[in-house]
Amino acid sequence: FFRQANLFTSVFSTVSYIYALLSLTSYWLFLVPSESLPTSLHGLVYSMDLAKTSPNPFTAILADIGLMLLFTIPHSTLARAATKLIMNLPVCVERPLFVLQTAALLHAQMHYWQNFEAPNIWNISGSVAQTSLWALFVAGYLFLVTASFALDHFHLFGLSQGTGVNINRKIGLAPPTSQK
């Protein structure tokens, strides 16, 4: 039933894609201090500086490392060809499932992140360095988004496989095919 793209895989890949976009955008905002976010976003997105503060720094560090490992190990392992052979999933659900688990683990990382009390090591508020770092942060995010389109964004996020449609080609982003 799931060996080729159909209505179920189209819906599944679309839901996975939307959830991934929301999780990635939320993660980007998670890294932004809450005072820099518009107040209309408070309560809608997680912010690292508003995360639960653990009374024990050692416990918080272990929990945060565990959350990062919970994301990175499956993310790296499931992308391997050997793992794909073992799982033996059809192409139309393989990437959308990978995208869904990645988004869910990013979401979990934001939700369960723990802060801890520590002295302020450096402060660049109101300086040229702060503006420069913000510009670099935004430039990096924009580069990441545009690079995903250069690499076939819809294939990367599993939407093309789940729907069975080369979306980049449909919307004119794919390079023209050479005819012999």
Protein backbone atom coordinates (compact mmCIF):
# COMPACT_ATOMS: atom_id res chain seq x y z
CA PHE A 1 0.00 0.00 0.00
CA PHE A 2 2.81 2.44 0.85
CA ARG A 3 5.26 1.37 -1.86
CA GLN A 4 4.36 4.38 -3.98
CA ALA A 5 3.07 7.86 -3.31
CA ASN A 6 -0.66 8.05 -2.67
CA LEU A 7 -3.15 10.21 -0.76
CA PHE A 8 -1.95 8.96 2.65
CA THR A 9 1.73 9.58 1.90
CA SER A 10 0.88 12.98 0.41
CA VAL A 11 -0.98 14.03 3.56
CA PHE A 12 1.69 12.51 5.84
CA SER A 13 4.55 14.24 4.03
CA THR A 14 2.66 17.56 3.98
CA VAL A 15 1.95 17.39 7.73
CA SER A 16 5.60 16.42 8.40
CA TYR A 17 6.79 19.31 6.22
CA ILE A 18 4.60 21.90 7.96
CA TYR A 19 5.57 20.61 11.41
CA ALA A 20 9.25 20.73 10.43
CA LEU A 21 8.98 24.32 9.21
CA LEU A 22 7.23 25.33 12.43
CA SER A 23 9.81 23.49 14.57
CA LEU A 24 12.78 24.98 12.70
CA THR A 25 11.34 28.49 12.92
CA SER A 26 10.57 27.95 16.61
CA TYR A 27 14.11 26.69 17.17
CA TRP A 28 15.54 29.78 15.51
CA LEU A 29 13.38 31.94 17.80
CA PHE A 30 14.34 29.72 20.77
CA LEU A 31 17.91 30.97 20.40
CA VAL A 32 16.79 34.62 20.49
CA PRO A 33 16.59 36.27 23.94
CA SER A 34 12.95 36.81 24.93
CA GLU A 35 13.38 40.58 25.34
CA SER A 36 14.31 40.76 21.64
CA LEU A 37 11.11 39.02 20.56
CA PRO A 38 7.87 40.91 19.95
CA THR A 39 5.58 40.55 22.98
CA SER A 40 2.95 39.03 20.69
CA LEU A 41 5.20 35.94 20.39
CA HIS A 42 5.63 35.47 24.15
CA GLY A 43 3.89 32.27 25.16
CA LEU A 44 3.65 31.10 21.53
CA VAL A 45 7.29 30.11 21.09
CA TYR A 46 9.89 28.73 23.46
CA SER A 47 12.79 30.95 24.43
CA MET A 48 16.00 29.58 25.85
CA ASP A 49 16.27 32.30 28.49
CA LEU A 50 12.73 31.55 29.73
CA ALA A 51 13.33 27.81 30.07
CA LYS A 52 12.97 26.14 33.46
CA THR A 53 15.93 26.90 35.71
CA SER A 54 17.35 23.88 37.47
CA PRO A 55 18.65 24.37 41.03
CA ASN A 56 21.53 22.00 40.25
CA PRO A 57 23.79 23.08 37.35
CA PHE A 58 25.21 19.55 36.99
CA THR A 59 21.73 18.08 36.50
CA ALA A 60 20.82 20.80 33.99
CA ILE A 61 24.00 20.25 31.97
CA LEU A 62 23.45 16.48 31.92
CA ALA A 63 19.81 16.92 30.88
CA ASP A 64 20.73 19.36 28.10
CA ILE A 65 23.52 17.11 26.80
CA GLY A 66 21.05 14.22 26.86
CA LEU A 67 18.56 16.29 24.84
CA MET A 68 21.23 17.16 22.29
CA LEU A 69 22.25 13.50 22.00
CA LEU A 70 18.61 12.48 21.69
CA PHE A 71 18.46 14.71 18.63
CA THR A 72 21.88 14.14 17.05
CA ILE A 73 22.19 10.35 17.32
CA PRO A 74 18.94 9.48 15.48
CA HIS A 75 19.43 12.41 13.10
CA SER A 76 22.87 11.12 12.09
CA THR A 77 22.04 7.42 12.23
CA LEU A 78 18.80 7.50 10.23
CA ALA A 79 20.50 9.38 7.39
CA ARG A 80 22.93 6.51 6.75
CA ALA A 81 22.42 4.17 3.81
CA ALA A 82 22.96 1.10 6.01
CA THR A 83 20.18 2.18 8.37
CA LYS A 84 17.86 2.79 5.43
CA LEU A 85 18.57 -0.74 4.17
CA ILE A 86 17.80 -2.23 7.58
CA MET A 87 14.58 -0.21 8.01
CA ASN A 88 13.46 -1.12 4.48
CA LEU A 89 10.92 1.70 4.24
CA PRO A 90 9.47 2.82 0.93
CA VAL A 91 10.98 6.03 -0.43
CA CYS A 92 7.63 7.82 -0.23
CA VAL A 93 7.56 7.53 3.60
CA GLU A 94 11.27 7.25 4.45
CA ARG A 95 12.19 10.97 4.24
CA PRO A 96 8.86 12.34 5.56
CA LEU A 97 9.24 10.04 8.61
CA PHE A 98 12.82 11.25 9.11
CA VAL A 99 11.64 14.86 8.86
CA LEU A 100 8.82 14.21 11.35
CA GLN A 101 11.10 12.60 13.95
CA THR A 102 13.65 15.41 13.51
CA ALA A 103 10.99 18.06 14.07
CA ALA A 104 9.57 16.21 17.09
CA LEU A 105 13.02 15.86 18.69
CA LEU A 106 13.77 19.55 18.10
CA HIS A 107 10.44 20.37 19.70
CA ALA A 108 11.26 18.13 22.69
CA GLN A 109 14.68 19.77 23.03
CA MET A 110 13.08 23.22 23.28
CA HIS A 111 10.37 22.05 25.66
CA TYR A 112 12.63 20.20 28.11
CA TRP A 113 15.68 22.48 27.96
CA GLN A 114 16.99 23.44 31.42
CA ASN A 115 18.84 26.59 32.35
CA PHE A 116 21.05 26.97 35.39
CA GLU A 117 22.32 29.92 37.41
CA ALA A 118 25.78 31.04 36.35
CA PRO A 119 27.74 34.27 36.46
CA ASN A 120 27.57 36.52 33.41
CA ILE A 121 30.73 35.87 31.41
CA TRP A 122 30.37 38.67 28.86
CA ASN A 123 27.92 41.40 27.95
CA ILE A 124 27.75 43.18 24.61
CA SER A 125 24.39 44.93 25.05
CA GLY A 126 24.17 48.22 23.18
CA SER A 127 27.49 47.78 21.38
CA VAL A 128 28.57 47.46 17.77
CA ALA A 129 29.44 43.84 18.54
CA GLN A 130 25.82 43.12 19.45
CA THR A 131 24.59 44.56 16.16
CA SER A 132 27.27 42.64 14.26
CA LEU A 133 26.34 39.35 15.94
CA TRP A 134 22.63 39.91 15.22
CA ALA A 135 23.45 40.61 11.57
CA LEU A 136 25.57 37.45 11.41
CA PHE A 137 22.79 35.42 13.07
CA VAL A 138 20.16 36.63 10.58
CA ALA A 139 22.54 36.22 7.62
CA GLY A 140 23.25 32.64 8.72
CA TYR A 141 19.54 31.87 8.94
CA LEU A 142 18.85 33.38 5.51
CA PHE A 143 21.81 31.46 4.05
CA LEU A 144 20.44 28.23 5.55
CA VAL A 145 17.00 28.80 4.02
CA THR A 146 18.29 29.76 0.58
CA ALA A 147 20.79 26.87 0.59
CA SER A 148 17.93 24.44 1.21
CA PHE A 149 16.27 25.68 -1.99
CA ALA A 150 19.56 25.39 -3.89
CA LEU A 151 19.73 21.74 -2.75
CA ASP A 152 16.09 20.99 -3.67
CA HIS A 153 14.22 22.13 -0.58
CA PHE A 154 11.12 20.01 -1.18
CA HIS A 155 13.15 16.83 -1.69
CA LEU A 156 15.26 17.62 1.39
CA PHE A 157 12.09 17.89 3.51
CA GLY A 158 10.43 14.79 2.00
CA LEU A 159 7.54 16.56 0.32
CA SER A 160 8.54 15.49 -3.19
CA GLN A 161 8.90 11.83 -2.17
CA GLY A 162 5.60 11.75 -0.26
CA THR A 163 3.58 13.36 -3.03
CA GLY A 164 5.43 11.68 -5.89
CA VAL A 165 5.84 15.09 -7.56
CA ASN A 166 9.12 16.88 -8.30
CA ILE A 167 7.95 20.15 -6.80
CA ASN A 168 11.14 22.05 -7.65
CA ARG A 169 10.64 21.21 -11.32
CA LYS A 170 6.92 22.11 -11.14
CA ILE A 171 7.63 25.59 -9.77
CA GLY A 172 10.64 26.21 -12.02
CA LEU A 173 13.45 25.90 -9.46
CA ALA A 174 15.06 22.78 -10.93
CA PRO A 175 17.69 23.23 -13.62
CA PRO A 176 16.46 22.40 -17.12
CA THR A 177 17.11 18.87 -18.27
CA SER A 178 19.40 18.49 -21.25
CA GLN A 179 17.91 16.81 -24.28
CA LYS A 180 20.12 14.72 -26.55
